[in-house]
Protein backbone atom coordinates (compact mmCIF):
# COMPACT_ATOMS: atom_id res chain seq x y z
CA MET A 1 -21.49 63.51 -28.86
CA THR A 2 -24.55 61.56 -29.83
CA ALA A 3 -26.71 58.77 -28.45
CA CYS A 4 -26.89 55.48 -30.02
CA PRO A 5 -30.28 54.57 -31.57
CA LYS A 6 -30.21 51.18 -30.36
CA CYS A 7 -28.93 51.47 -26.69
CA GLY A 8 -29.41 54.71 -25.71
CA ALA A 9 -25.60 55.22 -24.69
CA LEU A 10 -23.70 58.36 -25.31
CA VAL A 11 -21.22 57.74 -27.95
CA PHE A 12 -18.41 60.44 -28.90
CA ILE A 13 -17.53 60.26 -32.63
CA GLY A 14 -13.89 61.02 -33.09
CA ASP A 15 -12.53 63.09 -35.84
CA PRO A 16 -10.93 61.16 -38.29
CA MET A 17 -8.72 64.11 -39.18
CA LYS A 18 -7.37 64.41 -35.69
CA ASP A 19 -6.93 60.73 -35.43
CA GLU A 20 -9.44 60.52 -32.74
CA GLU A 21 -11.46 57.34 -31.69
CA ASN A 22 -14.76 56.68 -31.16
CA SER A 23 -15.43 55.82 -27.77
CA VAL A 24 -18.49 55.06 -25.31
CA VAL A 25 -18.98 58.06 -22.96
CA ASP A 26 -21.85 57.07 -20.96
CA ARG A 27 -23.51 53.54 -20.99
CA ASN A 28 -27.47 53.03 -20.92
CA PRO A 29 -28.89 54.23 -17.76
CA LYS A 30 -31.17 51.17 -18.07
CA ASP A 31 -28.09 49.14 -17.96
CA LYS A 32 -26.56 50.97 -15.18
CA GLU A 33 -30.11 50.46 -12.97
CA GLN A 34 -29.80 46.64 -13.74
CA GLU A 35 -26.13 46.16 -12.47
CA THR A 36 -27.05 48.42 -9.27
CA ALA A 37 -29.98 46.01 -8.75
CA ALA A 38 -28.05 42.96 -9.13
CA GLN A 39 -25.34 44.61 -6.28
CA ASN A 40 -27.82 45.28 -4.07
CA GLU A 41 -29.53 41.80 -4.28
CA LYS A 42 -25.97 40.56 -3.81
CA ILE A 43 -25.67 42.42 -0.75
CA ASN A 44 -28.91 41.35 0.61
CA GLU A 45 -28.09 37.71 0.15
CA ASN A 46 -25.04 38.38 1.94
CA ILE A 47 -26.98 39.91 4.82
CA LYS A 48 -29.50 37.27 5.31
CA LYS A 49 -26.72 34.41 5.38
CA ILE A 50 -24.90 36.75 8.17
CA THR A 51 -27.99 36.85 10.02
CA VAL A 52 -28.66 33.10 9.81
CA VAL A 53 -25.02 32.60 11.26
CA LEU A 54 -25.31 35.25 13.91
CA LYS A 55 -28.78 33.46 15.17
CA LYS A 56 -26.94 30.44 15.06
CA ILE A 57 -24.13 31.69 17.25
CA LYS A 58 -26.88 33.15 19.59
CA VAL A 59 -28.73 29.62 20.08
CA LEU A 60 -25.18 28.07 21.00
CA ALA A 61 -23.99 30.79 23.23
CA SER A 62 -27.33 31.16 25.06
CA PRO A 63 -27.98 29.35 28.55
CA GLY A 64 -31.43 28.88 27.77
CA THR A 65 -32.96 26.53 25.05
CA PRO A 66 -33.99 27.39 21.36
CA TRP A 67 -37.49 27.90 22.26
CA ASP A 68 -36.44 30.35 24.95
CA LEU A 69 -35.20 32.40 22.12
CA ILE A 70 -38.17 31.93 20.01
CA SER A 71 -38.86 36.15 20.01
CA ASP A 72 -35.18 36.52 18.67
CA ILE A 73 -34.78 33.44 16.05
CA GLY A 74 -38.45 32.95 15.26
CA PHE A 75 -41.20 30.14 15.52
CA ALA A 76 -39.85 28.07 12.71
CA ASP A 77 -36.44 27.83 13.65
CA ALA A 78 -37.19 27.80 17.24
CA PHE A 79 -39.28 24.63 16.70
CA PHE A 80 -36.91 22.76 14.36
CA LEU A 81 -34.15 23.47 16.61
CA THR A 82 -35.71 22.50 19.89
CA THR A 83 -37.00 19.15 18.17
CA LYS A 84 -33.65 18.51 16.88
CA GLU A 85 -32.05 19.03 20.20
CA VAL A 86 -34.23 16.99 22.24
CA LEU A 87 -34.20 13.92 19.91
CA PHE A 88 -30.47 13.57 19.22
CA GLN A 89 -28.61 16.07 21.84
CA PRO A 90 -30.89 15.40 25.04
CA VAL A 91 -27.97 15.91 27.40
CA GLN A 92 -26.97 19.22 25.94
CA PHE A 93 -30.60 20.57 26.02
CA PHE A 94 -31.42 19.50 29.65
CA GLN A 95 -28.54 21.26 30.53
CA LYS A 96 -29.66 24.17 28.59
CA MET A 97 -33.29 23.94 29.95
CA LYS A 98 -31.92 23.85 33.71
CA SER A 99 -29.53 26.75 33.34
CA CYS A 100 -32.50 28.79 31.89
CA ALA A 101 -32.77 32.05 33.92
CA LYS A 102 -36.60 32.79 33.38
CA PRO A 103 -38.13 29.33 32.41
CA SER A 104 -41.61 29.64 30.99
CA PHE A 105 -43.77 27.37 33.17
CA LEU A 106 -45.58 25.39 30.42
CA PRO A 107 -43.72 25.78 27.30
CA LEU A 108 -46.21 26.18 23.98
CA TYR A 109 -43.79 23.86 22.27
CA GLY A 110 -45.32 20.98 24.37
CA ILE A 111 -49.03 21.83 23.55
CA ILE A 112 -48.00 21.91 19.79
CA ALA A 113 -46.15 18.51 19.97
CA ALA A 114 -48.73 16.77 21.85
CA LEU A 115 -51.22 17.99 19.97
CA ALA A 116 -49.74 16.41 16.80
CA ALA A 117 -48.99 13.22 18.44
CA SER A 118 -52.88 13.24 19.59
CA LEU A 119 -53.90 13.88 16.21
CA PHE A 120 -51.74 11.14 14.66
CA GLN A 121 -52.65 8.56 17.25
CA THR A 122 -56.20 9.07 17.21
CA PHE A 123 -56.30 9.07 13.26
CA TRP A 124 -54.48 5.84 12.83
CA ALA A 125 -56.34 4.48 15.57
CA LEU A 126 -59.88 5.08 14.57
CA LYS A 127 -59.14 4.42 10.86
CA PHE A 128 -57.75 0.57 11.82
CA PHE A 129 -60.72 -0.10 14.02
CA GLN A 130 -63.23 1.58 11.63
CA THR A 131 -61.69 -0.36 8.51
CA SER A 132 -61.59 -3.69 10.72
CA PHE A 133 -64.95 -3.13 11.98
CA PRO A 134 -67.36 -1.39 9.75
CA ASP A 135 -70.33 -2.28 12.11
CA PHE A 136 -71.08 -3.54 15.45
CA ALA A 137 -71.99 -6.88 14.05
CA SER A 138 -68.51 -7.23 12.60
CA PHE A 139 -67.11 -6.28 15.67
CA LYS A 140 -69.13 -8.82 17.87
CA ALA A 141 -68.37 -11.81 15.79
CA ALA A 142 -64.78 -10.77 15.95
CA VAL A 143 -64.49 -10.57 20.06
CA SER A 144 -66.60 -14.01 19.87
CA SER A 145 -64.50 -15.65 18.27
CA LEU A 146 -61.70 -15.14 20.85
CA GLY A 147 -63.76 -16.67 23.17
CA THR A 148 -65.18 -15.42 26.40
CA GLU A 149 -64.05 -18.02 29.14
CA THR A 150 -60.99 -16.00 30.40
CA LEU A 151 -62.92 -12.41 30.11
CA PRO A 152 -66.50 -12.88 30.67
CA ILE A 153 -67.11 -9.14 30.07
CA LEU A 154 -66.26 -9.73 26.60
CA GLY A 155 -69.68 -11.70 26.30
CA ASP A 156 -71.72 -8.58 27.75
CA GLU A 157 -73.11 -7.11 24.80
CA LYS A 158 -73.56 -3.47 26.52
CA ALA A 159 -69.99 -3.66 27.19
CA LEU A 160 -69.06 -4.23 23.64
CA GLN A 161 -71.42 -1.89 22.28
CA ALA A 162 -69.64 0.82 24.51
CA VAL A 163 -66.56 0.06 23.04
CA PHE A 164 -67.50 0.03 19.78
CA ASP A 165 -69.32 3.52 20.32
CA MET A 166 -66.03 4.83 22.03
CA MET A 167 -64.13 4.00 18.93
CA ASN A 168 -66.95 5.60 16.67
CA PRO A 169 -67.10 9.18 18.72
CA GLU A 170 -69.38 12.12 18.01
CA PRO A 171 -67.22 14.75 15.84
CA SER A 172 -67.63 17.03 18.74
CA MET A 173 -66.56 14.72 21.50
CA LEU A 174 -63.50 13.76 19.18
CA LEU A 175 -62.49 17.17 19.02
CA PHE A 176 -62.67 17.63 22.85
CA GLN A 177 -60.54 14.53 23.45
CA ILE A 178 -58.03 15.84 20.85
CA LEU A 179 -57.91 19.17 22.33
CA LEU A 180 -57.88 18.00 26.06
CA SER A 181 -55.20 15.15 25.51
CA PRO A 182 -52.43 17.41 25.11
CA PHE A 183 -52.91 19.09 28.57
CA MET A 184 -53.46 15.57 30.17
CA SER A 185 -50.32 14.17 28.92
CA ILE A 186 -48.21 17.18 30.07
CA VAL A 187 -49.82 17.61 33.43
CA PHE A 188 -49.71 13.90 34.36
CA THR A 189 -46.16 13.04 33.11
CA ALA A 190 -44.75 16.07 34.82
CA PHE A 191 -46.65 14.51 38.15
CA ILE A 192 -44.95 11.12 37.50
CA LEU A 193 -41.54 12.84 36.90
CA HIS A 194 -41.68 15.02 39.86
CA THR A 195 -43.12 12.41 42.12
CA GLY A 196 -40.45 9.81 41.21
CA SER A 197 -37.60 12.29 41.76
CA THR A 198 -39.16 13.06 45.34
CA LEU A 199 -39.12 9.50 46.21
CA LEU A 200 -35.42 9.13 45.04
CA GLY A 201 -34.58 12.33 47.16
CA SER A 202 -34.37 14.78 44.63
CA ARG A 203 -35.25 18.43 45.45
CA THR A 204 -35.50 19.70 42.04
CA ARG A 205 -38.49 22.05 41.41
CA LEU A 206 -41.69 21.00 39.98
CA VAL A 207 -41.30 23.94 37.10
CA HIS A 208 -38.39 22.08 35.36
CA PHE A 209 -40.74 18.86 35.57
CA TYR A 210 -43.31 20.76 33.76
CA ARG A 211 -40.73 21.83 31.22
CA MET A 212 -39.29 18.53 30.76
CA SER A 213 -42.57 16.88 30.34
CA SER A 214 -43.46 19.31 27.59
CA PHE A 215 -39.94 19.08 25.89
CA ILE A 216 -40.32 15.48 25.58
CA MET A 217 -43.60 15.37 23.70
CA ALA A 218 -41.48 15.91 20.75
CA THR A 219 -41.20 12.04 20.38
CA GLY A 220 -44.96 12.11 19.78
CA LEU A 221 -44.04 13.22 16.39
CA PHE A 222 -43.32 9.63 15.51
CA ASN A 223 -46.76 8.73 15.87
CA ILE A 224 -47.38 9.97 12.27
CA ILE A 225 -45.99 6.23 11.58
CA PRO A 226 -49.11 3.98 12.09
CA LEU A 227 -48.65 1.35 14.88
CA LEU A 228 -44.82 1.17 15.02
CA GLY A 229 -44.90 5.21 15.69
CA ASN A 230 -46.33 4.60 19.11
CA PHE A 231 -43.59 2.00 19.95
CA ILE A 232 -40.95 4.20 18.78
CA SER A 233 -42.37 7.02 20.51
CA PHE A 234 -42.94 5.26 23.99
CA CYS A 235 -39.18 3.95 24.13
CA TRP A 236 -37.35 7.00 22.92
CA ARG A 237 -39.31 9.11 25.39
CA ALA A 238 -38.01 6.57 28.19
CA VAL A 239 -34.62 7.10 26.89
CA LEU A 240 -34.92 11.11 27.30
CA VAL A 241 -36.43 10.73 30.80
CA TYR A 242 -33.35 8.44 31.78
CA LYS A 243 -31.17 11.12 30.19
CA GLY A 244 -32.72 14.07 31.78
CA SER A 245 -33.03 12.77 35.31
CA LYS A 246 -29.37 12.48 35.24
CA VAL A 247 -29.22 16.47 34.40
CA LEU A 248 -32.00 17.69 36.07
CA ASN A 249 -31.73 15.63 39.41
CA ASP A 250 -28.01 14.58 39.47
CA PHE A 251 -28.83 11.30 39.72
CA SER A 252 -26.51 8.09 39.77
CA GLU A 253 -27.00 5.58 37.14
CA ARG A 254 -28.64 3.27 39.37
CA GLN A 255 -31.07 6.04 40.60
CA ALA A 256 -31.64 6.97 37.03
CA ARG A 257 -32.36 3.21 36.32
CA ILE A 258 -34.90 3.20 39.17
CA PHE A 259 -36.25 6.44 37.97
CA VAL A 260 -37.15 5.29 34.68
CA VAL A 261 -38.73 1.80 35.68
CA PHE A 262 -40.83 4.12 37.76
CA TYR A 263 -41.97 6.22 34.91
CA ILE A 264 -42.74 3.32 32.82
CA PHE A 265 -44.75 1.51 35.47
CA MET A 266 -46.70 4.90 36.13
CA GLN A 267 -47.23 5.81 32.40
CA ILE A 268 -48.95 2.11 31.70
CA LEU A 269 -51.05 2.45 34.81
CA PHE A 270 -52.44 5.86 33.62
CA ILE A 271 -52.50 4.71 29.86
CA GLY A 272 -54.60 1.55 31.22
CA LEU A 273 -56.82 3.93 33.25
CA GLY A 274 -57.33 5.96 30.15
CA MET A 275 -56.03 9.13 31.65
CA ILE A 276 -53.06 9.70 29.31
């Protein structure tokens, strides 16, 4: 036997007098290593696929929401699946949320979603205002053109200056507002939901409404769309409140509609007061 000078494989040189044929006894060790590495890589890929399938089965079989399984399926999958189920499978999601054995009081998901909504909303509002009114003179002229007969406050220069300053905040104040907004949105929304359910005779615990309030903040992600995003977010959130109220409170159709009307009225009131 001899080694091939090109590939390094062991080759048997047969004796032609004995009618022996040449044959490869052992292949190049490098080829064997490459083949083994390829097999191991394929095995690893199959293991990853099986792991993904098992994760999905666990999410579907779990009595809790995908967010409650964050330690098992990871942050990215938990956030994506939670957003997907809240927006497109709300009845199924709220049933899971209600049946969760150990619910967290204020899910981090809501803070993240509400923070994203606050960032998008603030960005577009300031961009629109500052583009339209680069200085106080242009803002004052625009307001004056509307007339001040119906709203005398529009003729008060100090009031106009306060509005203009509010839409041109200091960086530190802007950061404070953006960070505080998610907590205020979740707390006030939970308060509205719990109050409405109590008035309609429900005894659902407050913790469920904090969780519901947190999860429906997923609609705030639509705020990435300028102007129209706020409208879509508000309407979609009202739909989620309607469907969630039927699951959490066992409301009838009539009760659910009254509950949504109460929610919308209180939301508009709090928004008008600048509290959310």
